[in-house]
Amino acid sequence: MTAEALSKVIIKGMEEKKASDIVVMDLRKIKNSVTDFFVICSGSSDTQLDAISKSIEEEVHKAGETPAWRMEGKANGQWILMDYVNVVAHIFLKDQREFYGLEELWGDAKITRIK
C-alpha cells in the first residue's frame, strides 16, 4: 500500500471516532523529512484520543497493513504518536496541538484540511 493510501485509511479511523481538525501534511518534497506524510487530528479528552488510536489500528488491520512500527504517548493521553514509517499519525488534545504547533514547524509541507 502506498503512503498516500495508508494516509486515507488512517483518516477513516480518525473520522470513525469523530476526530476534529484533521490535516494531512505531505512532506515528500521537504529535504530530510522523517516521513512522507503526517496525519494530524484533535480530540477533546484522553478517552477520545484512546478511541481514535484504537480505531486507526482497526482500520489499518482491516486494510491488511502491519501494525504501527512504534507508538508513543498512550499512557499520558495528551498526544499519541503512531508511526507507520511512511506515515505518522498524531492524535492531540486541542491545547497540546496548539502548544507543539506541528503545522507551523513543518510550514513548507503541502497541507490538506479534511475537516
N, C-alpha and C. Protein backbone atom coordinates (compact mmCIF):
# COMPACT_ATOMS: atom_id res chain seq x y z
N MET A 1 0.85 -1.18 0.00
CA MET A 1 0.00 0.00 0.00
C MET A 1 0.89 1.24 0.00
N THR A 2 0.53 2.21 -0.78
CA THR A 2 1.30 3.45 -0.83
C THR A 2 1.09 4.26 0.44
N ALA A 3 1.98 5.18 0.69
CA ALA A 3 1.86 6.06 1.85
C ALA A 3 0.59 6.91 1.74
N GLU A 4 0.28 7.32 0.53
CA GLU A 4 -0.93 8.13 0.33
C GLU A 4 -2.19 7.33 0.66
N ALA A 5 -2.23 6.07 0.23
CA ALA A 5 -3.38 5.21 0.52
C ALA A 5 -3.48 4.92 2.02
N LEU A 6 -2.35 4.71 2.66
CA LEU A 6 -2.34 4.47 4.10
C LEU A 6 -2.85 5.71 4.85
N SER A 7 -2.49 6.88 4.36
CA SER A 7 -2.99 8.13 4.97
C SER A 7 -4.52 8.14 4.96
N LYS A 8 -5.11 7.71 3.87
CA LYS A 8 -6.58 7.69 3.76
C LYS A 8 -7.20 6.69 4.72
N VAL A 9 -6.54 5.56 4.93
CA VAL A 9 -7.02 4.57 5.89
C VAL A 9 -6.97 5.16 7.31
N ILE A 10 -5.89 5.86 7.61
CA ILE A 10 -5.74 6.49 8.93
C ILE A 10 -6.81 7.57 9.13
N ILE A 11 -7.07 8.35 8.09
CA ILE A 11 -8.12 9.37 8.17
C ILE A 11 -9.47 8.72 8.47
N LYS A 12 -9.75 7.61 7.82
CA LYS A 12 -11.02 6.91 8.07
C LYS A 12 -11.12 6.51 9.54
N GLY A 13 -10.03 6.00 10.11
CA GLY A 13 -10.03 5.64 11.52
C GLY A 13 -10.29 6.84 12.42
N MET A 14 -9.71 7.97 12.05
CA MET A 14 -9.94 9.19 12.82
C MET A 14 -11.39 9.64 12.72
N GLU A 15 -11.94 9.61 11.52
CA GLU A 15 -13.32 10.06 11.32
C GLU A 15 -14.32 9.17 12.03
N GLU A 16 -14.02 7.87 12.13
CA GLU A 16 -14.92 6.93 12.81
C GLU A 16 -15.18 7.33 14.26
N LYS A 17 -14.22 7.99 14.88
CA LYS A 17 -14.35 8.38 16.29
C LYS A 17 -14.47 9.89 16.46
N LYS A 18 -14.94 10.55 15.40
CA LYS A 18 -15.27 11.99 15.45
C LYS A 18 -14.08 12.89 15.80
N ALA A 19 -12.90 12.54 15.31
CA ALA A 19 -11.74 13.43 15.49
C ALA A 19 -12.03 14.75 14.81
N SER A 20 -11.47 15.82 15.32
CA SER A 20 -11.69 17.14 14.71
C SER A 20 -10.39 17.67 14.11
N ASP A 21 -10.55 18.65 13.25
CA ASP A 21 -9.41 19.36 12.63
C ASP A 21 -8.38 18.40 12.03
N ILE A 22 -8.85 17.48 11.19
CA ILE A 22 -7.94 16.51 10.57
C ILE A 22 -7.18 17.20 9.44
N VAL A 23 -5.86 17.04 9.48
CA VAL A 23 -4.97 17.66 8.49
C VAL A 23 -3.99 16.60 7.99
N VAL A 24 -3.75 16.60 6.68
CA VAL A 24 -2.71 15.75 6.10
C VAL A 24 -1.60 16.67 5.61
N MET A 25 -0.39 16.38 6.05
CA MET A 25 0.76 17.16 5.62
C MET A 25 1.64 16.28 4.74
N ASP A 26 1.81 16.69 3.49
CA ASP A 26 2.64 15.96 2.54
C ASP A 26 4.07 16.49 2.67
N LEU A 27 4.95 15.65 3.20
CA LEU A 27 6.33 16.05 3.46
C LEU A 27 7.31 15.52 2.41
N ARG A 28 6.79 14.90 1.35
CA ARG A 28 7.67 14.22 0.39
C ARG A 28 8.65 15.15 -0.31
N LYS A 29 8.30 16.41 -0.48
CA LYS A 29 9.20 17.33 -1.19
C LYS A 29 10.09 18.13 -0.25
N ILE A 30 10.02 17.82 1.03
CA ILE A 30 10.83 18.53 2.01
C ILE A 30 12.10 17.72 2.25
N LYS A 31 13.22 18.37 2.03
CA LYS A 31 14.51 17.69 2.19
C LYS A 31 14.69 17.26 3.64
N ASN A 32 15.20 16.05 3.81
CA ASN A 32 15.49 15.46 5.12
C ASN A 32 14.26 15.26 6.01
N SER A 33 13.08 15.14 5.41
CA SER A 33 11.90 14.88 6.24
C SER A 33 11.95 13.46 6.78
N VAL A 34 11.33 13.25 7.90
CA VAL A 34 11.40 11.97 8.59
C VAL A 34 10.40 10.94 8.06
N THR A 35 9.43 11.37 7.28
CA THR A 35 8.38 10.51 6.76
C THR A 35 7.77 11.16 5.53
N ASP A 36 6.85 10.46 4.87
CA ASP A 36 6.19 11.03 3.70
C ASP A 36 4.98 11.89 4.08
N PHE A 37 4.23 11.44 5.08
CA PHE A 37 3.02 12.15 5.48
C PHE A 37 2.89 12.20 7.00
N PHE A 38 2.39 13.32 7.49
CA PHE A 38 1.85 13.43 8.84
C PHE A 38 0.34 13.51 8.68
N VAL A 39 -0.40 12.77 9.48
CA VAL A 39 -1.85 12.92 9.55
C VAL A 39 -2.13 13.33 10.99
N ILE A 40 -2.70 14.51 11.15
CA ILE A 40 -2.87 15.11 12.48
C ILE A 40 -4.35 15.33 12.75
N CYS A 41 -4.76 15.06 13.99
CA CYS A 41 -6.13 15.36 14.38
C CYS A 41 -6.17 15.76 15.85
N SER A 42 -7.32 16.24 16.26
CA SER A 42 -7.54 16.62 17.65
C SER A 42 -8.70 15.84 18.24
N GLY A 43 -8.63 15.65 19.54
CA GLY A 43 -9.72 15.05 20.29
C GLY A 43 -9.97 15.89 21.53
N SER A 44 -11.11 15.67 22.17
CA SER A 44 -11.48 16.54 23.29
C SER A 44 -11.18 15.94 24.66
N SER A 45 -10.76 14.66 24.71
CA SER A 45 -10.45 14.05 26.01
C SER A 45 -9.46 12.91 25.80
N ASP A 46 -8.83 12.49 26.89
CA ASP A 46 -7.89 11.36 26.77
C ASP A 46 -8.63 10.09 26.35
N THR A 47 -9.89 9.96 26.75
CA THR A 47 -10.70 8.81 26.35
C THR A 47 -10.92 8.81 24.84
N GLN A 48 -11.22 9.99 24.28
CA GLN A 48 -11.42 10.08 22.84
C GLN A 48 -10.11 9.81 22.09
N LEU A 49 -8.99 10.31 22.60
CA LEU A 49 -7.70 10.05 21.96
C LEU A 49 -7.42 8.56 21.89
N ASP A 50 -7.70 7.85 22.98
CA ASP A 50 -7.50 6.41 23.01
C ASP A 50 -8.41 5.72 22.00
N ALA A 51 -9.67 6.14 21.93
CA ALA A 51 -10.62 5.55 20.98
C ALA A 51 -10.19 5.79 19.54
N ILE A 52 -9.67 6.99 19.25
CA ILE A 52 -9.19 7.30 17.91
C ILE A 52 -8.01 6.40 17.55
N SER A 53 -7.08 6.24 18.47
CA SER A 53 -5.91 5.41 18.17
C SER A 53 -6.32 3.95 17.93
N LYS A 54 -7.28 3.45 18.71
CA LYS A 54 -7.76 2.07 18.51
C LYS A 54 -8.48 1.93 17.17
N SER A 55 -9.24 2.96 16.81
CA SER A 55 -9.94 2.94 15.53
C SER A 55 -8.95 2.93 14.36
N ILE A 56 -7.89 3.70 14.47
CA ILE A 56 -6.85 3.70 13.43
C ILE A 56 -6.24 2.31 13.32
N GLU A 57 -5.90 1.70 14.47
CA GLU A 57 -5.33 0.35 14.46
C GLU A 57 -6.27 -0.63 13.76
N GLU A 58 -7.57 -0.54 14.04
CA GLU A 58 -8.55 -1.44 13.43
C GLU A 58 -8.62 -1.24 11.92
N GLU A 59 -8.67 0.02 11.48
CA GLU A 59 -8.77 0.29 10.04
C GLU A 59 -7.52 -0.15 9.30
N VAL A 60 -6.37 0.05 9.90
CA VAL A 60 -5.10 -0.38 9.28
C VAL A 60 -5.07 -1.90 9.19
N HIS A 61 -5.53 -2.57 10.24
CA HIS A 61 -5.58 -4.03 10.24
C HIS A 61 -6.53 -4.53 9.15
N LYS A 62 -7.74 -3.93 9.06
CA LYS A 62 -8.71 -4.31 8.03
C LYS A 62 -8.14 -4.13 6.63
N ALA A 63 -7.29 -3.13 6.45
CA ALA A 63 -6.69 -2.86 5.14
C ALA A 63 -5.54 -3.82 4.84
N GLY A 64 -5.21 -4.68 5.80
CA GLY A 64 -4.16 -5.66 5.58
C GLY A 64 -2.75 -5.15 5.80
N GLU A 65 -2.64 -4.04 6.46
CA GLU A 65 -1.31 -3.46 6.73
C GLU A 65 -0.79 -3.93 8.08
N THR A 66 0.50 -3.82 8.26
CA THR A 66 1.13 -4.20 9.52
C THR A 66 0.84 -3.15 10.59
N PRO A 67 0.87 -3.56 11.86
CA PRO A 67 0.65 -2.60 12.95
C PRO A 67 1.71 -1.49 12.94
N ALA A 68 1.44 -0.46 13.69
CA ALA A 68 2.39 0.66 13.80
C ALA A 68 3.75 0.13 14.24
N TRP A 69 4.80 0.65 13.61
CA TRP A 69 6.15 0.27 13.96
C TRP A 69 6.46 0.71 15.38
N ARG A 70 5.93 1.87 15.73
CA ARG A 70 6.16 2.42 17.07
C ARG A 70 4.94 3.26 17.46
N MET A 71 4.60 3.20 18.74
CA MET A 71 3.51 4.03 19.25
C MET A 71 3.94 4.61 20.58
N GLU A 72 3.68 5.89 20.75
CA GLU A 72 4.07 6.56 22.00
C GLU A 72 2.95 7.47 22.47
N GLY A 73 2.91 7.71 23.77
CA GLY A 73 2.01 8.69 24.35
C GLY A 73 0.68 8.17 24.85
N LYS A 74 0.42 6.88 24.67
CA LYS A 74 -0.89 6.35 25.11
C LYS A 74 -1.07 6.47 26.62
N ALA A 75 0.01 6.34 27.36
CA ALA A 75 -0.07 6.38 28.82
C ALA A 75 -0.45 7.77 29.35
N ASN A 76 0.06 8.83 28.72
CA ASN A 76 -0.23 10.16 29.27
C ASN A 76 -1.49 10.78 28.67
N GLY A 77 -1.96 10.29 27.51
CA GLY A 77 -3.24 10.70 26.97
C GLY A 77 -3.35 12.13 26.51
N GLN A 78 -2.24 12.76 26.13
CA GLN A 78 -2.30 14.13 25.64
C GLN A 78 -1.88 14.23 24.18
N TRP A 79 -1.01 13.32 23.76
CA TRP A 79 -0.52 13.30 22.38
C TRP A 79 -0.10 11.87 22.09
N ILE A 80 -0.83 11.22 21.21
CA ILE A 80 -0.49 9.85 20.82
C ILE A 80 0.13 9.91 19.43
N LEU A 81 1.30 9.31 19.31
CA LEU A 81 2.01 9.25 18.04
C LEU A 81 2.01 7.80 17.57
N MET A 82 1.56 7.58 16.33
CA MET A 82 1.53 6.24 15.75
C MET A 82 2.40 6.27 14.49
N ASP A 83 3.52 5.57 14.53
CA ASP A 83 4.50 5.63 13.45
C ASP A 83 4.37 4.41 12.55
N TYR A 84 3.89 4.65 11.33
CA TYR A 84 3.78 3.60 10.32
C TYR A 84 4.90 3.72 9.29
N VAL A 85 5.98 4.31 9.66
CA VAL A 85 7.20 4.55 8.88
C VAL A 85 6.99 5.62 7.81
N ASN A 86 6.20 5.34 6.77
CA ASN A 86 5.98 6.34 5.72
C ASN A 86 4.87 7.33 6.07
N VAL A 87 4.09 6.99 7.08
CA VAL A 87 3.01 7.85 7.54
C VAL A 87 3.06 7.86 9.07
N VAL A 88 2.98 9.05 9.64
CA VAL A 88 2.95 9.18 11.10
C VAL A 88 1.65 9.89 11.48
N ALA A 89 0.85 9.22 12.32
CA ALA A 89 -0.40 9.81 12.80
C ALA A 89 -0.13 10.47 14.15
N HIS A 90 -0.64 11.68 14.30
CA HIS A 90 -0.54 12.43 15.56
C HIS A 90 -1.96 12.72 16.04
N ILE A 91 -2.26 12.28 17.26
CA ILE A 91 -3.57 12.49 17.84
C ILE A 91 -3.37 13.34 19.09
N PHE A 92 -3.86 14.57 19.05
CA PHE A 92 -3.61 15.55 20.10
C PHE A 92 -4.86 15.94 20.86
N LEU A 93 -4.69 16.27 22.14
CA LEU A 93 -5.67 17.12 22.81
C LEU A 93 -5.49 18.50 22.20
N LYS A 94 -6.57 19.25 22.09
CA LYS A 94 -6.52 20.53 21.36
C LYS A 94 -5.44 21.49 21.88
N ASP A 95 -5.33 21.65 23.19
CA ASP A 95 -4.35 22.59 23.72
C ASP A 95 -2.91 22.11 23.46
N GLN A 96 -2.68 20.81 23.50
CA GLN A 96 -1.35 20.27 23.21
C GLN A 96 -0.99 20.48 21.74
N ARG A 97 -1.96 20.35 20.88
CA ARG A 97 -1.71 20.57 19.45
C ARG A 97 -1.28 22.01 19.20
N GLU A 98 -1.96 22.94 19.83
CA GLU A 98 -1.59 24.35 19.68
C GLU A 98 -0.20 24.60 20.24
N PHE A 99 0.12 23.99 21.39
CA PHE A 99 1.41 24.19 22.03
C PHE A 99 2.55 23.72 21.14
N TYR A 100 2.42 22.51 20.56
CA TYR A 100 3.52 21.95 19.77
C TYR A 100 3.55 22.49 18.34
N GLY A 101 2.45 22.92 17.79
CA GLY A 101 2.40 23.60 16.51
C GLY A 101 3.09 22.89 15.35
N LEU A 102 2.80 21.62 15.15
CA LEU A 102 3.45 20.87 14.06
C LEU A 102 3.18 21.48 12.70
N GLU A 103 1.97 22.02 12.51
CA GLU A 103 1.65 22.63 11.21
C GLU A 103 2.58 23.80 10.91
N GLU A 104 2.94 24.57 11.94
CA GLU A 104 3.85 25.70 11.74
C GLU A 104 5.30 25.22 11.61
N LEU A 105 5.65 24.21 12.38
CA LEU A 105 7.01 23.68 12.37
C LEU A 105 7.38 23.13 11.00
N TRP A 106 6.43 22.49 10.34
CA TRP A 106 6.64 21.93 9.01
C TRP A 106 5.87 22.78 8.00
N GLY A 107 6.04 24.08 8.06
CA GLY A 107 5.29 25.03 7.25
C GLY A 107 5.48 24.89 5.75
N ASP A 108 6.57 24.26 5.30
CA ASP A 108 6.79 24.08 3.86
C ASP A 108 6.00 22.92 3.28
N ALA A 109 5.37 22.13 4.12
CA ALA A 109 4.62 20.97 3.65
C ALA A 109 3.34 21.41 2.95
N LYS A 110 2.89 20.58 2.03
CA LYS A 110 1.59 20.79 1.40
C LYS A 110 0.55 20.30 2.40
N ILE A 111 -0.35 21.18 2.82
CA ILE A 111 -1.32 20.86 3.85
C ILE A 111 -2.72 20.73 3.24
N THR A 112 -3.38 19.62 3.56
CA THR A 112 -4.75 19.40 3.12
C THR A 112 -5.62 19.24 4.35
N ARG A 113 -6.61 20.12 4.50
CA ARG A 113 -7.53 20.04 5.63
C ARG A 113 -8.69 19.14 5.26
N ILE A 114 -8.95 18.15 6.10
CA ILE A 114 -10.02 17.20 5.84
C ILE A 114 -11.32 17.69 6.44
N LYS A 115 -11.28 18.11 7.71
CA LYS A 115 -12.44 18.73 8.35
C LYS A 115 -12.05 19.34 9.65
